[in-house]
Structures are given as structure tokens and as C-alpha cells.
Amino acid sequence: MKMPFALTLAALALTAAPAIADDRPEHYKGEPSATLEAAFANLADYNTRLRNILDKGEVQGDAFNEIHRLTYTLENALERIEDELEALEDDLEEIHQASEKGDSERVGKYAPRYFERADRLLNAAEN
């Protein structure tokens, strides 16, 4: 009995899948960035580590796995910074819209939140 070509390919793919999966680099969670300060610290530290690997020249061998591992922490840091920027932007938009309507109460409500977030962002970025 002849096996249809598509079925043969599917069977080969299923038998090869474990071998392919075993060749993938282990996946990491990366260092968390629970605070904005931690995010900027991780960004600075892990950028330095990544740059040191890349400055050695052509990436080969184990360097790929190390880069892969480092990027998880960098992604966590950038996600935290992005979340903070989005919240800052939301507060600023509230101030903007309130200013268009002459709503001083709304400006007064969102301005302190905006400045608190902006100051924290700027301080974390400087350190």
C-alpha cells in the first residue's frame, strides 16, 4: 500500500520534530524589572553585556545563546519602561484635554500624577 506524499511528509515532520525541538536554545524568563529603577538598571547592565559580546566581532557558537538569554531581561526592562511612558502619556493627555475645556479641576487632578511619574522617570533614567 502506497502512502500519499502529503501523509509521508507529515509523518516525517512528526518524527523530526523532537530532534528539532532539542536543538532550540533553552528559553529563559530573564531578570524582572519590578520597578522603573530596576528597569533602567537592567537596561544599562544588560546593554553593556550585549555590547561586550558584539564588540568581539562576528558572533559564533555559544555567543548566540548568551545573546538570546540577555535579550529576555532587556525585553522585560523595555516593557516596564514602556508601561511607565504610556501611563505618563495618559496623564498628560488628561491635562491637555482639560486645558482645551478650561477645566482647572481636572488639570489639578492629573498634574500631580503627571509630575510624579515624569520626575520618577527622569530620576531613574539619570541613575
N, C-alpha and C. Protein backbone atom coordinates (compact mmCIF):
# COMPACT_ATOMS: atom_id res chain seq x y z
N MET A 1 0.84 -1.17 0.00
CA MET A 1 0.00 0.00 0.00
C MET A 1 0.89 1.24 0.00
N LYS A 2 0.66 2.13 -0.96
CA LYS A 2 1.45 3.36 -1.06
C LYS A 2 0.84 4.44 -0.19
N MET A 3 1.73 5.16 0.49
CA MET A 3 1.29 6.26 1.35
C MET A 3 1.28 7.54 0.51
N PRO A 4 0.20 8.34 0.56
CA PRO A 4 0.18 9.60 -0.18
C PRO A 4 1.35 10.48 0.24
N PHE A 5 1.84 11.27 -0.71
CA PHE A 5 3.01 12.11 -0.49
C PHE A 5 2.83 13.05 0.70
N ALA A 6 1.67 13.72 0.81
CA ALA A 6 1.42 14.66 1.91
C ALA A 6 1.46 13.94 3.25
N LEU A 7 0.92 12.73 3.30
CA LEU A 7 0.93 11.96 4.54
C LEU A 7 2.36 11.56 4.91
N THR A 8 3.15 11.24 3.90
CA THR A 8 4.55 10.89 4.14
C THR A 8 5.31 12.08 4.73
N LEU A 9 5.07 13.27 4.14
CA LEU A 9 5.72 14.47 4.67
C LEU A 9 5.30 14.76 6.10
N ALA A 10 4.02 14.59 6.38
CA ALA A 10 3.52 14.82 7.74
C ALA A 10 4.16 13.86 8.72
N ALA A 11 4.28 12.60 8.34
CA ALA A 11 4.89 11.59 9.21
C ALA A 11 6.37 11.92 9.46
N LEU A 12 7.07 12.36 8.42
CA LEU A 12 8.47 12.74 8.58
C LEU A 12 8.61 13.96 9.49
N ALA A 13 7.71 14.90 9.34
CA ALA A 13 7.77 16.10 10.17
C ALA A 13 7.55 15.75 11.63
N LEU A 14 6.62 14.86 11.90
CA LEU A 14 6.35 14.46 13.28
C LEU A 14 7.53 13.72 13.90
N THR A 15 8.19 12.89 13.12
CA THR A 15 9.33 12.15 13.67
C THR A 15 10.55 13.05 13.81
N ALA A 16 10.65 14.10 13.00
CA ALA A 16 11.79 15.01 13.08
C ALA A 16 11.58 16.07 14.14
N ALA A 17 10.35 16.34 14.53
CA ALA A 17 10.05 17.42 15.47
C ALA A 17 10.83 17.32 16.77
N PRO A 18 10.91 16.14 17.41
CA PRO A 18 11.69 16.08 18.66
C PRO A 18 13.16 16.45 18.46
N ALA A 19 13.73 16.07 17.35
CA ALA A 19 15.13 16.41 17.10
C ALA A 19 15.29 17.91 16.92
N ILE A 20 14.35 18.53 16.22
CA ILE A 20 14.42 19.97 16.02
C ILE A 20 14.23 20.68 17.35
N ALA A 21 13.26 20.25 18.13
CA ALA A 21 12.98 20.89 19.42
C ALA A 21 14.19 20.80 20.34
N ASP A 22 14.93 19.69 20.28
CA ASP A 22 16.10 19.52 21.14
C ASP A 22 17.22 20.47 20.77
N ASP A 23 17.24 20.95 19.51
CA ASP A 23 18.29 21.84 19.06
C ASP A 23 18.02 23.30 19.41
N ARG A 24 16.80 23.62 19.85
CA ARG A 24 16.46 25.00 20.20
C ARG A 24 17.14 25.40 21.49
N PRO A 25 17.57 26.66 21.58
CA PRO A 25 18.15 27.11 22.85
C PRO A 25 17.09 27.09 23.95
N GLU A 26 17.54 26.83 25.15
CA GLU A 26 16.63 26.86 26.30
C GLU A 26 16.06 28.26 26.43
N HIS A 27 14.79 28.35 26.79
CA HIS A 27 14.18 29.67 26.94
C HIS A 27 14.26 30.12 28.39
N TYR A 28 14.48 31.40 28.55
CA TYR A 28 14.68 32.00 29.84
C TYR A 28 13.56 32.98 30.14
N LYS A 29 13.39 33.31 31.39
CA LYS A 29 12.43 34.33 31.77
C LYS A 29 13.10 35.69 31.83
N GLY A 30 14.36 35.72 32.08
CA GLY A 30 15.07 36.98 32.23
C GLY A 30 14.86 37.56 33.62
N GLU A 31 15.67 38.54 33.95
CA GLU A 31 15.55 39.24 35.22
C GLU A 31 14.31 40.12 35.18
N PRO A 32 13.55 40.15 36.24
CA PRO A 32 12.36 41.01 36.24
C PRO A 32 12.76 42.48 36.41
N SER A 33 11.87 43.34 35.99
CA SER A 33 12.04 44.78 36.20
C SER A 33 10.79 45.26 36.93
N ALA A 34 10.76 44.97 38.23
CA ALA A 34 9.58 45.25 39.04
C ALA A 34 9.34 46.75 39.23
N THR A 35 10.41 47.52 39.19
CA THR A 35 10.28 48.97 39.35
C THR A 35 10.93 49.65 38.16
N LEU A 36 10.64 50.92 38.02
CA LEU A 36 11.25 51.69 36.95
C LEU A 36 12.77 51.77 37.14
N GLU A 37 13.18 51.93 38.39
CA GLU A 37 14.62 51.99 38.68
C GLU A 37 15.31 50.68 38.30
N ALA A 38 14.67 49.57 38.61
CA ALA A 38 15.23 48.26 38.24
C ALA A 38 15.29 48.11 36.73
N ALA A 39 14.28 48.63 36.05
CA ALA A 39 14.25 48.54 34.58
C ALA A 39 15.44 49.28 33.97
N PHE A 40 15.70 50.50 34.44
CA PHE A 40 16.83 51.25 33.90
C PHE A 40 18.16 50.61 34.29
N ALA A 41 18.25 50.06 35.49
CA ALA A 41 19.48 49.37 35.91
C ALA A 41 19.72 48.14 35.04
N ASN A 42 18.66 47.37 34.80
CA ASN A 42 18.79 46.19 33.94
C ASN A 42 19.13 46.58 32.52
N LEU A 43 18.52 47.64 32.03
CA LEU A 43 18.80 48.11 30.67
C LEU A 43 20.28 48.48 30.54
N ALA A 44 20.80 49.22 31.50
CA ALA A 44 22.21 49.62 31.44
C ALA A 44 23.14 48.42 31.56
N ASP A 45 22.88 47.56 32.53
CA ASP A 45 23.74 46.40 32.78
C ASP A 45 23.73 45.42 31.61
N TYR A 46 22.55 45.07 31.14
CA TYR A 46 22.45 44.06 30.09
C TYR A 46 22.83 44.62 28.72
N ASN A 47 22.68 45.93 28.50
CA ASN A 47 23.21 46.53 27.28
C ASN A 47 24.72 46.42 27.25
N THR A 48 25.36 46.65 28.40
CA THR A 48 26.81 46.53 28.49
C THR A 48 27.24 45.10 28.18
N ARG A 49 26.53 44.13 28.75
CA ARG A 49 26.86 42.72 28.48
C ARG A 49 26.69 42.39 27.01
N LEU A 50 25.60 42.85 26.41
CA LEU A 50 25.35 42.58 24.99
C LEU A 50 26.41 43.25 24.13
N ARG A 51 26.73 44.49 24.44
CA ARG A 51 27.75 45.21 23.68
C ARG A 51 29.10 44.50 23.77
N ASN A 52 29.45 44.00 24.94
CA ASN A 52 30.74 43.29 25.11
C ASN A 52 30.81 42.06 24.21
N ILE A 53 29.72 41.35 24.08
CA ILE A 53 29.70 40.18 23.19
C ILE A 53 29.85 40.62 21.74
N LEU A 54 29.09 41.63 21.36
CA LEU A 54 29.07 42.07 19.96
C LEU A 54 30.37 42.75 19.56
N ASP A 55 31.04 43.40 20.51
CA ASP A 55 32.29 44.09 20.20
C ASP A 55 33.44 43.12 19.92
N LYS A 56 33.26 41.85 20.22
CA LYS A 56 34.31 40.86 19.96
C LYS A 56 34.40 40.48 18.49
N GLY A 57 33.46 40.94 17.70
CA GLY A 57 33.48 40.63 16.27
C GLY A 57 32.32 39.74 15.90
N GLU A 58 32.55 38.91 14.91
CA GLU A 58 31.49 38.04 14.41
C GLU A 58 30.96 37.12 15.50
N VAL A 59 29.65 37.08 15.62
CA VAL A 59 29.01 36.25 16.64
C VAL A 59 29.03 34.79 16.18
N GLN A 60 29.50 33.92 17.08
CA GLN A 60 29.57 32.49 16.75
C GLN A 60 29.28 31.66 17.98
N GLY A 61 28.92 30.41 17.76
CA GLY A 61 28.81 29.41 18.81
C GLY A 61 27.95 29.80 19.99
N ASP A 62 28.53 29.67 21.19
CA ASP A 62 27.81 29.93 22.44
C ASP A 62 27.37 31.39 22.59
N ALA A 63 27.98 32.28 21.84
CA ALA A 63 27.61 33.70 21.93
C ALA A 63 26.14 33.90 21.54
N PHE A 64 25.65 33.11 20.60
CA PHE A 64 24.24 33.23 20.21
C PHE A 64 23.32 32.92 21.38
N ASN A 65 23.64 31.88 22.12
CA ASN A 65 22.83 31.51 23.28
C ASN A 65 22.90 32.59 24.35
N GLU A 66 24.06 33.16 24.56
CA GLU A 66 24.21 34.23 25.56
C GLU A 66 23.41 35.46 25.14
N ILE A 67 23.47 35.82 23.88
CA ILE A 67 22.68 36.95 23.38
C ILE A 67 21.20 36.67 23.58
N HIS A 68 20.78 35.46 23.23
CA HIS A 68 19.39 35.06 23.39
C HIS A 68 18.95 35.22 24.85
N ARG A 69 19.78 34.79 25.76
CA ARG A 69 19.47 34.87 27.20
C ARG A 69 19.39 36.33 27.66
N LEU A 70 20.31 37.15 27.22
CA LEU A 70 20.34 38.56 27.62
C LEU A 70 19.11 39.33 27.13
N THR A 71 18.63 38.98 25.95
CA THR A 71 17.51 39.73 25.39
C THR A 71 16.24 39.58 26.21
N TYR A 72 16.08 38.50 26.94
CA TYR A 72 14.88 38.36 27.77
C TYR A 72 14.83 39.44 28.86
N THR A 73 15.94 39.67 29.51
CA THR A 73 15.99 40.71 30.54
C THR A 73 15.82 42.09 29.92
N LEU A 74 16.44 42.30 28.77
CA LEU A 74 16.29 43.60 28.09
C LEU A 74 14.84 43.84 27.69
N GLU A 75 14.17 42.81 27.20
CA GLU A 75 12.76 42.95 26.84
C GLU A 75 11.90 43.26 28.06
N ASN A 76 12.19 42.62 29.18
CA ASN A 76 11.45 42.91 30.42
C ASN A 76 11.64 44.37 30.84
N ALA A 77 12.88 44.84 30.75
CA ALA A 77 13.17 46.23 31.13
C ALA A 77 12.45 47.21 30.22
N LEU A 78 12.51 46.97 28.94
CA LEU A 78 11.86 47.88 28.00
C LEU A 78 10.34 47.86 28.15
N GLU A 79 9.79 46.71 28.46
CA GLU A 79 8.35 46.62 28.68
C GLU A 79 7.93 47.46 29.88
N ARG A 80 8.72 47.39 30.94
CA ARG A 80 8.41 48.19 32.14
C ARG A 80 8.51 49.68 31.84
N ILE A 81 9.55 50.08 31.12
CA ILE A 81 9.72 51.49 30.76
C ILE A 81 8.57 51.93 29.86
N GLU A 82 8.19 51.10 28.92
CA GLU A 82 7.07 51.42 28.03
C GLU A 82 5.77 51.59 28.81
N ASP A 83 5.53 50.72 29.78
CA ASP A 83 4.33 50.85 30.62
C ASP A 83 4.31 52.19 31.35
N GLU A 84 5.45 52.58 31.87
CA GLU A 84 5.55 53.86 32.58
C GLU A 84 5.32 55.04 31.63
N LEU A 85 5.88 54.95 30.43
CA LEU A 85 5.69 56.01 29.45
C LEU A 85 4.23 56.13 29.02
N GLU A 86 3.57 55.01 28.87
CA GLU A 86 2.15 55.03 28.49
C GLU A 86 1.30 55.68 29.58
N ALA A 87 1.59 55.37 30.84
CA ALA A 87 0.85 55.98 31.95
C ALA A 87 1.13 57.48 32.00
N LEU A 88 2.37 57.86 31.78
CA LEU A 88 2.73 59.28 31.74
C LEU A 88 2.00 59.99 30.61
N GLU A 89 1.97 59.36 29.46
CA GLU A 89 1.28 59.93 28.31
C GLU A 89 -0.22 60.08 28.59
N ASP A 90 -0.82 59.10 29.25
CA ASP A 90 -2.24 59.17 29.59
C ASP A 90 -2.53 60.36 30.51
N ASP A 91 -1.68 60.55 31.52
CA ASP A 91 -1.86 61.68 32.42
C ASP A 91 -1.71 63.01 31.68
N LEU A 92 -0.74 63.09 30.80
CA LEU A 92 -0.53 64.32 30.03
C LEU A 92 -1.73 64.59 29.12
N GLU A 93 -2.27 63.55 28.52
CA GLU A 93 -3.44 63.72 27.65
C GLU A 93 -4.63 64.24 28.44
N GLU A 94 -4.79 63.79 29.67
CA GLU A 94 -5.87 64.31 30.52
C GLU A 94 -5.67 65.81 30.76
N ILE A 95 -4.45 66.22 31.02
CA ILE A 95 -4.14 67.63 31.23
C ILE A 95 -4.41 68.41 29.94
N HIS A 96 -3.98 67.86 28.83
CA HIS A 96 -4.18 68.50 27.53
C HIS A 96 -5.67 68.74 27.25
N GLN A 97 -6.45 67.68 27.40
CA GLN A 97 -7.89 67.80 27.13
C GLN A 97 -8.57 68.76 28.11
N ALA A 98 -8.15 68.72 29.36
CA ALA A 98 -8.71 69.63 30.35
C ALA A 98 -8.38 71.08 30.02
N SER A 99 -7.17 71.30 29.50
CA SER A 99 -6.77 72.67 29.16
C SER A 99 -7.61 73.20 28.00
N GLU A 100 -7.99 72.33 27.08
CA GLU A 100 -8.84 72.75 25.96
C GLU A 100 -10.22 73.21 26.43
N LYS A 101 -10.68 72.62 27.53
CA LYS A 101 -12.02 72.90 28.04
C LYS A 101 -12.00 73.89 29.21
N GLY A 102 -10.82 74.34 29.58
CA GLY A 102 -10.71 75.25 30.71
C GLY A 102 -11.12 74.61 32.02
N ASP A 103 -10.85 73.31 32.15
CA ASP A 103 -11.26 72.53 33.33
C ASP A 103 -10.11 72.49 34.34
N SER A 104 -10.06 73.50 35.20
CA SER A 104 -8.94 73.60 36.15
C SER A 104 -8.97 72.47 37.18
N GLU A 105 -10.14 71.98 37.53
CA GLU A 105 -10.22 70.87 38.49
C GLU A 105 -9.55 69.62 37.93
N ARG A 106 -9.80 69.35 36.66
CA ARG A 106 -9.19 68.17 36.02
C ARG A 106 -7.68 68.36 35.85
N VAL A 107 -7.27 69.56 35.49
CA VAL A 107 -5.83 69.84 35.41
C VAL A 107 -5.20 69.61 36.77
N GLY A 108 -5.84 70.12 37.82
CA GLY A 108 -5.33 69.96 39.18
C GLY A 108 -5.27 68.51 39.62
N LYS A 109 -6.18 67.69 39.11
CA LYS A 109 -6.20 66.27 39.47
C LYS A 109 -5.05 65.51 38.81
N TYR A 110 -4.80 65.78 37.52
CA TYR A 110 -3.83 64.98 36.77
C TYR A 110 -2.41 65.55 36.78
N ALA A 111 -2.25 66.85 37.02
CA ALA A 111 -0.91 67.44 37.02
C ALA A 111 0.01 66.80 38.07
N PRO A 112 -0.43 66.61 39.31
CA PRO A 112 0.47 65.98 40.29
C PRO A 112 0.87 64.56 39.88
N ARG A 113 -0.08 63.81 39.35
CA ARG A 113 0.24 62.45 38.88
C ARG A 113 1.25 62.50 37.75
N TYR A 114 1.03 63.43 36.83
CA TYR A 114 1.94 63.57 35.69
C TYR A 114 3.35 63.89 36.17
N PHE A 115 3.47 64.91 37.04
CA PHE A 115 4.81 65.31 37.50
C PHE A 115 5.47 64.23 38.35
N GLU A 116 4.70 63.51 39.14
CA GLU A 116 5.27 62.42 39.92
C GLU A 116 5.86 61.35 38.99
N ARG A 117 5.10 60.97 37.98
CA ARG A 117 5.60 59.97 37.02
C ARG A 117 6.79 60.50 36.22
N ALA A 118 6.68 61.74 35.76
CA ALA A 118 7.76 62.32 34.95
C ALA A 118 9.04 62.43 35.77
N ASP A 119 8.93 62.91 37.01
CA ASP A 119 10.11 63.02 37.86
C ASP A 119 10.74 61.66 38.13
N ARG A 120 9.89 60.66 38.41
CA ARG A 120 10.41 59.32 38.67
C ARG A 120 11.12 58.76 37.43
N LEU A 121 10.55 59.00 36.26
CA LEU A 121 11.15 58.53 35.02
C LEU A 121 12.49 59.21 34.79
N LEU A 122 12.53 60.51 34.95
CA LEU A 122 13.78 61.25 34.73
C LEU A 122 14.85 60.87 35.74
N ASN A 123 14.46 60.72 37.00
CA ASN A 123 15.43 60.31 38.03
C ASN A 123 15.97 58.91 37.77
N ALA A 124 15.09 58.00 37.38
CA ALA A 124 15.54 56.63 37.11
C ALA A 124 16.46 56.59 35.90
N ALA A 125 16.17 57.41 34.91
CA ALA A 125 17.00 57.45 33.70
C ALA A 125 18.38 58.03 33.97
N GLU A 126 18.45 58.97 34.92
CA GLU A 126 19.74 59.61 35.24
C GLU A 126 20.65 58.71 36.06
N ASN A 127 20.08 57.82 36.85
CA ASN A 127 20.89 56.98 37.74
C ASN A 127 21.35 55.76 37.08
